Amino acid sequence: MNEFTILLYLLLFAATVGMTFAFMYTTMKSSLNEFNKLSKPKIHPEMKDVKNGEELLVFSMEDKEDDDDGGDIVIIRR
């Protein structure tokens, strides 16, 4: 192999390595942008009028004698 072939090989190898890192950078950048675009979960239409901290009455068919908390649930939205 002469010097021209070795130089050509090294140039193409360097270009391939550079393109690989550029591709990895743009892929990670777009993935992180997608994660940052995630919004808060949608609130169910029946729950949109419920205020944060409001207690709800919960009905359960299970019979628990030792549970005396009244069955109320406090809504906390983040």
PDB file of N, CA and C in Angstrom:
ATOM      1  N   MET A   1       0.838  -1.171   0.000  1.00  0.00           N
ATOM      2  CA  MET A   1       0.000   0.000   0.000  1.00  0.00           C
ATOM      3  C   MET A   1       0.888   1.241   0.000  1.00  0.00           C
ATOM      4  N   ASN A   2       0.489   2.130  -0.809  1.00  0.00           N
ATOM      5  CA  ASN A   2       1.292   3.353  -0.853  1.00  0.00           C
ATOM      6  C   ASN A   2       0.725   4.393   0.121  1.00  0.00           C
ATOM      7  N   GLU A   3       1.388   5.509   0.244  1.00  0.00           N
ATOM      8  CA  GLU A   3       1.010   6.526   1.218  1.00  0.00           C
ATOM      9  C   GLU A   3      -0.340   7.159   0.898  1.00  0.00           C
ATOM     10  N   PHE A   4      -0.683   7.259  -0.368  1.00  0.00           N
ATOM     11  CA  PHE A   4      -1.962   7.837  -0.760  1.00  0.00           C
ATOM     12  C   PHE A   4      -3.132   6.977  -0.262  1.00  0.00           C
ATOM     13  N   THR A   5      -3.005   5.680  -0.368  1.00  0.00           N
ATOM     14  CA  THR A   5      -4.063   4.771   0.077  1.00  0.00           C
ATOM     15  C   THR A   5      -4.247   4.862   1.588  1.00  0.00           C
ATOM     16  N   ILE A   6      -3.154   4.932   2.317  1.00  0.00           N
ATOM     17  CA  ILE A   6      -3.229   5.037   3.775  1.00  0.00           C
ATOM     18  C   ILE A   6      -3.878   6.368   4.173  1.00  0.00           C
ATOM     19  N   LEU A   7      -3.502   7.440   3.508  1.00  0.00           N
ATOM     20  CA  LEU A   7      -4.082   8.755   3.783  1.00  0.00           C
ATOM     21  C   LEU A   7      -5.584   8.761   3.473  1.00  0.00           C
ATOM     22  N   LEU A   8      -5.958   8.173   2.346  1.00  0.00           N
ATOM     23  CA  LEU A   8      -7.369   8.091   1.976  1.00  0.00           C
ATOM     24  C   LEU A   8      -8.158   7.277   3.010  1.00  0.00           C
ATOM     25  N   TYR A   9      -7.597   6.159   3.444  1.00  0.00           N
ATOM     26  CA  TYR A   9      -8.240   5.328   4.446  1.00  0.00           C
ATOM     27  C   TYR A   9      -8.431   6.107   5.748  1.00  0.00           C
ATOM     28  N   LEU A  10      -7.388   6.804   6.226  1.00  0.00           N
ATOM     29  CA  LEU A  10      -7.481   7.559   7.467  1.00  0.00           C
ATOM     30  C   LEU A  10      -8.487   8.706   7.357  1.00  0.00           C
ATOM     31  N   LEU A  11      -8.546   9.375   6.219  1.00  0.00           N
ATOM     32  CA  LEU A  11      -9.509  10.449   6.025  1.00  0.00           C
ATOM     33  C   LEU A  11     -10.945   9.917   6.047  1.00  0.00           C
ATOM     34  N   LEU A  12     -11.192   8.822   5.377  1.00  0.00           N
ATOM     35  CA  LEU A  12     -12.534   8.237   5.373  1.00  0.00           C
ATOM     36  C   LEU A  12     -12.911   7.700   6.754  1.00  0.00           C
ATOM     37  N   PHE A  13     -11.927   7.142   7.454  1.00  0.00           N
ATOM     38  CA  PHE A  13     -12.188   6.661   8.806  1.00  0.00           C
ATOM     39  C   PHE A  13     -12.539   7.825   9.734  1.00  0.00           C
ATOM     40  N   ALA A  14     -11.799   8.918   9.644  1.00  0.00           N
ATOM     41  CA  ALA A  14     -12.071  10.098  10.475  1.00  0.00           C
ATOM     42  C   ALA A  14     -13.440  10.691  10.129  1.00  0.00           C
ATOM     43  N   ALA A  15     -13.798  10.702   8.859  1.00  0.00           N
ATOM     44  CA  ALA A  15     -15.114  11.219   8.465  1.00  0.00           C
ATOM     45  C   ALA A  15     -16.226  10.329   9.017  1.00  0.00           C
ATOM     46  N   THR A  16     -16.028   9.021   8.982  1.00  0.00           N
ATOM     47  CA  THR A  16     -17.028   8.091   9.516  1.00  0.00           C
ATOM     48  C   THR A  16     -17.188   8.271  11.030  1.00  0.00           C
ATOM     49  N   VAL A  17     -16.079   8.413  11.735  1.00  0.00           N
ATOM     50  CA  VAL A  17     -16.142   8.629  13.183  1.00  0.00           C
ATOM     51  C   VAL A  17     -16.837   9.953  13.485  1.00  0.00           C
ATOM     52  N   GLY A  18     -16.514  10.996  12.746  1.00  0.00           N
ATOM     53  CA  GLY A  18     -17.152  12.297  12.947  1.00  0.00           C
ATOM     54  C   GLY A  18     -18.641  12.259  12.680  1.00  0.00           C
ATOM     55  N   MET A  19     -19.045  11.599  11.607  1.00  0.00           N
ATOM     56  CA  MET A  19     -20.477  11.490  11.301  1.00  0.00           C
ATOM     57  C   MET A  19     -21.209  10.659  12.353  1.00  0.00           C
ATOM     58  N   THR A  20     -20.536   9.643  12.891  1.00  0.00           N
ATOM     59  CA  THR A  20     -21.149   8.814  13.929  1.00  0.00           C
ATOM     60  C   THR A  20     -21.425   9.640  15.177  1.00  0.00           C
ATOM     61  N   PHE A  21     -20.452  10.416  15.610  1.00  0.00           N
ATOM     62  CA  PHE A  21     -20.665  11.239  16.798  1.00  0.00           C
ATOM     63  C   PHE A  21     -21.678  12.349  16.545  1.00  0.00           C
ATOM     64  N   ALA A  22     -21.709  12.895  15.347  1.00  0.00           N
ATOM     65  CA  ALA A  22     -22.710  13.907  15.024  1.00  0.00           C
ATOM     66  C   ALA A  22     -24.113  13.292  15.056  1.00  0.00           C
ATOM     67  N   PHE A  23     -24.256  12.095  14.542  1.00  0.00           N
ATOM     68  CA  PHE A  23     -25.546  11.413  14.564  1.00  0.00           C
ATOM     69  C   PHE A  23     -25.979  11.110  16.000  1.00  0.00           C
ATOM     70  N   MET A  24     -25.048  10.624  16.820  1.00  0.00           N
ATOM     71  CA  MET A  24     -25.374  10.331  18.216  1.00  0.00           C
ATOM     72  C   MET A  24     -25.776  11.609  18.956  1.00  0.00           C
ATOM     73  N   TYR A  25     -25.092  12.711  18.699  1.00  0.00           N
ATOM     74  CA  TYR A  25     -25.399  13.981  19.355  1.00  0.00           C
ATOM     75  C   TYR A  25     -26.802  14.466  18.981  1.00  0.00           C
ATOM     76  N   THR A  26     -27.133  14.436  17.690  1.00  0.00           N
ATOM     77  CA  THR A  26     -28.453  14.920  17.269  1.00  0.00           C
ATOM     78  C   THR A  26     -29.564  13.993  17.766  1.00  0.00           C
ATOM     79  N   THR A  27     -29.308  12.701  17.818  1.00  0.00           N
ATOM     80  CA  THR A  27     -30.308  11.768  18.322  1.00  0.00           C
ATOM     81  C   THR A  27     -30.569  11.992  19.804  1.00  0.00           C
ATOM     82  N   MET A  28     -29.512  12.163  20.593  1.00  0.00           N
ATOM     83  CA  MET A  28     -29.688  12.422  22.021  1.00  0.00           C
ATOM     84  C   MET A  28     -30.360  13.775  22.255  1.00  0.00           C
ATOM     85  N   LYS A  29     -30.011  14.762  21.458  1.00  0.00           N
ATOM     86  CA  LYS A  29     -30.613  16.087  21.599  1.00  0.00           C
ATOM     87  C   LYS A  29     -32.115  16.028  21.317  1.00  0.00           C
ATOM     88  N   SER A  30     -32.523  15.322  20.266  1.00  0.00           N
ATOM     89  CA  SER A  30     -33.951  15.219  19.951  1.00  0.00           C
ATOM     90  C   SER A  30     -34.685  14.378  20.994  1.00  0.00           C
ATOM     91  N   SER A  31     -34.037  13.345  21.521  1.00  0.00           N
ATOM     92  CA  SER A  31     -34.672  12.531  22.565  1.00  0.00           C
ATOM     93  C   SER A  31     -34.891  13.351  23.831  1.00  0.00           C
ATOM     94  N   LEU A  32     -33.899  14.136  24.231  1.00  0.00           N
ATOM     95  CA  LEU A  32     -34.045  14.967  25.423  1.00  0.00           C
ATOM     96  C   LEU A  32     -35.097  16.051  25.214  1.00  0.00           C
ATOM     97  N   ASN A  33     -35.201  16.582  24.014  1.00  0.00           N
ATOM     98  CA  ASN A  33     -36.253  17.564  23.736  1.00  0.00           C
ATOM     99  C   ASN A  33     -37.638  16.944  23.851  1.00  0.00           C
ATOM    100  N   GLU A  34     -37.799  15.707  23.410  1.00  0.00           N
ATOM    101  CA  GLU A  34     -39.086  15.015  23.533  1.00  0.00           C
ATOM    102  C   GLU A  34     -39.444  14.781  24.994  1.00  0.00           C
ATOM    103  N   PHE A  35     -38.448  14.417  25.815  1.00  0.00           N
ATOM    104  CA  PHE A  35     -38.716  14.215  27.235  1.00  0.00           C
ATOM    105  C   PHE A  35     -39.092  15.519  27.908  1.00  0.00           C
ATOM    106  N   ASN A  36     -38.499  16.621  27.485  1.00  0.00           N
ATOM    107  CA  ASN A  36     -38.817  17.913  28.078  1.00  0.00           C
ATOM    108  C   ASN A  36     -40.200  18.408  27.668  1.00  0.00           C
ATOM    109  N   LYS A  37     -40.719  17.938  26.542  1.00  0.00           N
ATOM    110  CA  LYS A  37     -42.026  18.364  26.065  1.00  0.00           C
ATOM    111  C   LYS A  37     -43.177  17.653  26.770  1.00  0.00           C
ATOM    112  N   LEU A  38     -42.864  16.616  27.552  1.00  0.00           N
ATOM    113  CA  LEU A  38     -43.931  15.878  28.231  1.00  0.00           C
ATOM    114  C   LEU A  38     -44.691  16.827  29.145  1.00  0.00           C
ATOM    115  N   SER A  39     -45.985  16.835  28.996  1.00  0.00           N
ATOM    116  CA  SER A  39     -46.818  17.730  29.783  1.00  0.00           C
ATOM    117  C   SER A  39     -47.419  16.982  30.963  1.00  0.00           C
ATOM    118  N   LYS A  40     -48.116  17.732  31.790  1.00  0.00           N
ATOM    119  CA  LYS A  40     -48.797  17.117  32.920  1.00  0.00           C
ATOM    120  C   LYS A  40     -49.874  16.175  32.392  1.00  0.00           C
ATOM    121  N   PRO A  41     -50.170  15.129  33.155  1.00  0.00           N
ATOM    122  CA  PRO A  41     -51.216  14.211  32.696  1.00  0.00           C
ATOM    123  C   PRO A  41     -52.560  14.934  32.607  1.00  0.00           C
ATOM    124  N   LYS A  42     -53.343  14.536  31.642  1.00  0.00           N
ATOM    125  CA  LYS A  42     -54.668  15.123  31.442  1.00  0.00           C
ATOM    126  C   LYS A  42     -55.581  14.747  32.605  1.00  0.00           C
ATOM    127  N   ILE A  43     -56.366  15.699  33.048  1.00  0.00           N
ATOM    128  CA  ILE A  43     -57.317  15.470  34.124  1.00  0.00           C
ATOM    129  C   ILE A  43     -58.605  14.923  33.507  1.00  0.00           C
ATOM    130  N   HIS A  44     -59.161  13.920  34.161  1.00  0.00           N
ATOM    131  CA  HIS A  44     -60.391  13.314  33.679  1.00  0.00           C
ATOM    132  C   HIS A  44     -61.494  14.376  33.638  1.00  0.00           C
ATOM    133  N   PRO A  45     -62.341  14.377  32.599  1.00  0.00           N
ATOM    134  CA  PRO A  45     -63.383  15.410  32.476  1.00  0.00           C
ATOM    135  C   PRO A  45     -64.306  15.510  33.684  1.00  0.00           C
ATOM    136  N   GLU A  46     -64.576  14.406  34.359  1.00  0.00           N
ATOM    137  CA  GLU A  46     -65.443  14.454  35.521  1.00  0.00           C
ATOM    138  C   GLU A  46     -64.744  15.036  36.748  1.00  0.00           C
ATOM    139  N   MET A  47     -63.407  15.124  36.708  1.00  0.00           N
ATOM    140  CA  MET A  47     -62.647  15.626  37.850  1.00  0.00           C
ATOM    141  C   MET A  47     -62.162  17.063  37.651  1.00  0.00           C
ATOM    142  N   LYS A  48     -62.514  17.702  36.543  1.00  0.00           N
ATOM    143  CA  LYS A  48     -61.980  19.035  36.275  1.00  0.00           C
ATOM    144  C   LYS A  48     -62.540  20.098  37.219  1.00  0.00           C
ATOM    145  N   ASP A  49     -63.716  19.879  37.802  1.00  0.00           N
ATOM    146  CA  ASP A  49     -64.307  20.845  38.731  1.00  0.00           C
ATOM    147  C   ASP A  49     -63.856  20.624  40.174  1.00  0.00           C
ATOM    148  N   VAL A  50     -63.115  19.546  40.443  1.00  0.00           N
ATOM    149  CA  VAL A  50     -62.662  19.241  41.801  1.00  0.00           C
ATOM    150  C   VAL A  50     -61.411  20.061  42.089  1.00  0.00           C
ATOM    151  N   LYS A  51     -61.428  20.781  43.200  1.00  0.00           N
ATOM    152  CA  LYS A  51     -60.302  21.620  43.587  1.00  0.00           C
ATOM    153  C   LYS A  51     -59.235  20.790  44.292  1.00  0.00           C
ATOM    154  N   ASN A  52     -58.006  21.297  44.282  1.00  0.00           N
ATOM    155  CA  ASN A  52     -56.898  20.643  44.959  1.00  0.00           C
ATOM    156  C   ASN A  52     -57.123  20.697  46.466  1.00  0.00           C
ATOM    157  N   GLY A  53     -57.015  19.556  47.157  1.00  0.00           N
ATOM    158  CA  GLY A  53     -57.216  19.491  48.596  1.00  0.00           C
ATOM    159  C   GLY A  53     -58.638  19.176  49.007  1.00  0.00           C
ATOM    160  N   GLU A  54     -59.540  19.056  48.068  1.00  0.00           N
ATOM    161  CA  GLU A  54     -60.941  18.765  48.370  1.00  0.00           C
ATOM    162  C   GLU A  54     -61.099  17.284  48.697  1.00  0.00           C
ATOM    163  N   GLU A  55     -61.923  16.985  49.711  1.00  0.00           N
ATOM    164  CA  GLU A  55     -62.141  15.599  50.100  1.00  0.00           C
ATOM    165  C   GLU A  55     -63.267  14.997  49.273  1.00  0.00           C
ATOM    166  N   LEU A  56     -63.088  13.738  48.900  1.00  0.00           N
ATOM    167  CA  LEU A  56     -64.097  13.013  48.133  1.00  0.00           C
ATOM    168  C   LEU A  56     -64.621  11.847  48.960  1.00  0.00           C
ATOM    169  N   LEU A  57     -65.877  11.533  48.794  1.00  0.00           N
ATOM    170  CA  LEU A  57     -66.481  10.383  49.458  1.00  0.00           C
ATOM    171  C   LEU A  57     -66.273   9.164  48.572  1.00  0.00           C
ATOM    172  N   VAL A  58     -65.781   8.078  49.166  1.00  0.00           N
ATOM    173  CA  VAL A  58     -65.494   6.860  48.419  1.00  0.00           C
ATOM    174  C   VAL A  58     -66.375   5.745  48.942  1.00  0.00           C
ATOM    175  N   PHE A  59     -67.030   5.025  48.042  1.00  0.00           N
ATOM    176  CA  PHE A  59     -67.868   3.886  48.404  1.00  0.00           C
ATOM    177  C   PHE A  59     -67.127   2.606  48.069  1.00  0.00           C
ATOM    178  N   SER A  60     -67.055   1.718  49.030  1.00  0.00           N
ATOM    179  CA  SER A  60     -66.379   0.436  48.826  1.00  0.00           C
ATOM    180  C   SER A  60     -67.314  -0.682  49.254  1.00  0.00           C
ATOM    181  N   MET A  61     -67.406  -1.727  48.451  1.00  0.00           N
ATOM    182  CA  MET A  61     -68.279  -2.861  48.755  1.00  0.00           C
ATOM    183  C   MET A  61     -67.658  -3.780  49.796  1.00  0.00           C
ATOM    184  N   GLU A  62     -66.368  -3.665  50.062  1.00  0.00           N
ATOM    185  CA  GLU A  62     -65.701  -4.531  51.036  1.00  0.00           C
ATOM    186  C   GLU A  62     -66.102  -4.109  52.446  1.00  0.00           C
ATOM    187  N   ASP A  63     -66.336  -5.096  53.307  1.00  0.00           N
ATOM    188  CA  ASP A  63     -66.732  -4.821  54.684  1.00  0.00           C
ATOM    189  C   ASP A  63     -65.491  -4.879  55.568  1.00  0.00           C
ATOM    190  N   LYS A  64     -65.041  -3.715  56.028  1.00  0.00           N
ATOM    191  CA  LYS A  64     -63.874  -3.644  56.910  1.00  0.00           C
ATOM    192  C   LYS A  64     -64.327  -3.019  58.216  1.00  0.00           C
ATOM    193  N   GLU A  65     -64.320  -3.801  59.270  1.00  0.00           N
ATOM    194  CA  GLU A  65     -64.781  -3.324  60.563  1.00  0.00           C
ATOM    195  C   GLU A  65     -63.734  -2.449  61.249  1.00  0.00           C
ATOM    196  N   ASP A  66     -62.457  -2.728  61.038  1.00  0.00           N
ATOM    197  CA  ASP A  66     -61.419  -1.993  61.751  1.00  0.00           C
ATOM    198  C   ASP A  66     -61.050  -0.675  61.068  1.00  0.00           C
ATOM    199  N   ASP A  67     -61.580  -0.422  59.903  1.00  0.00           N
ATOM    200  CA  ASP A  67     -61.273   0.799  59.164  1.00  0.00           C
ATOM    201  C   ASP A  67     -62.310   1.860  59.506  1.00  0.00           C
ATOM    202  N   ASP A  68     -61.907   2.891  60.257  1.00  0.00           N
ATOM    203  CA  ASP A  68     -62.860   3.910  60.671  1.00  0.00           C
ATOM    204  C   ASP A  68     -62.444   5.310  60.222  1.00  0.00           C
ATOM    205  N   ASP A  69     -61.756   5.401  59.084  1.00  0.00           N
ATOM    206  CA  ASP A  69     -61.310   6.729  58.631  1.00  0.00           C
ATOM    207  C   ASP A  69     -62.394   7.472  57.858  1.00  0.00           C
ATOM    208  N   GLY A  70     -63.532   6.892  57.666  1.00  0.00           N
ATOM    209  CA  GLY A  70     -64.629   7.586  57.012  1.00  0.00           C
ATOM    210  C   GLY A  70     -64.670   7.402  55.509  1.00  0.00           C
ATOM    211  N   GLY A  71     -63.636   6.871  54.906  1.00  0.00           N
ATOM    212  CA  GLY A  71     -63.650   6.621  53.472  1.00  0.00           C
ATOM    213  C   GLY A  71     -63.403   7.845  52.622  1.00  0.00           C
ATOM    214  N   ASP A  72     -62.890   8.928  53.196  1.00  0.00           N
ATOM    215  CA  ASP A  72     -62.637  10.132  52.418  1.00  0.00           C
ATOM    216  C   ASP A  72     -61.233  10.085  51.818  1.00  0.00           C
ATOM    217  N   ILE A  73     -61.106  10.644  50.615  1.00  0.00           N
ATOM    218  CA  ILE A  73     -59.825  10.734  49.930  1.00  0.00           C
ATOM    219  C   ILE A  73     -59.560  12.190  49.632  1.00  0.00           C
ATOM    220  N   VAL A  74     -58.348  12.634  49.913  1.00  0.00           N
ATOM    221  CA  VAL A  74     -57.970  14.016  49.643  1.00  0.00           C
ATOM    222  C   VAL A  74     -57.260  14.063  48.292  1.00  0.00           C
ATOM    223  N   ILE A  75     -57.695  14.963  47.415  1.00  0.00           N
ATOM    224  CA  ILE A  75     -57.111  15.112  46.092  1.00  0.00           C
ATOM    225  C   ILE A  75     -55.914  16.046  46.185  1.00  0.00           C
ATOM    226  N   ILE A  76     -54.759  15.598  45.697  1.00  0.00           N
ATOM    227  CA  ILE A  76     -53.559  16.442  45.617  1.00  0.00           C
ATOM    228  C   ILE A  76     -53.028  16.346  44.195  1.00  0.00           C
ATOM    229  N   ARG A  77     -53.048  17.471  43.503  1.00  0.00           N
ATOM    230  CA  ARG A  77     -52.543  17.523  42.120  1.00  0.00           C
ATOM    231  C   ARG A  77     -51.184  18.166  42.107  1.00  0.00           C
ATOM    232  N   ARG A  78     -50.282  17.624  41.328  1.00  0.00           N
ATOM    233  CA  ARG A  78     -48.935  18.165  41.230  1.00  0.00           C
ATOM    234  C   ARG A  78     -48.706  18.775  39.885  1.00  0.00           C
TER     235      ARG A  78
END
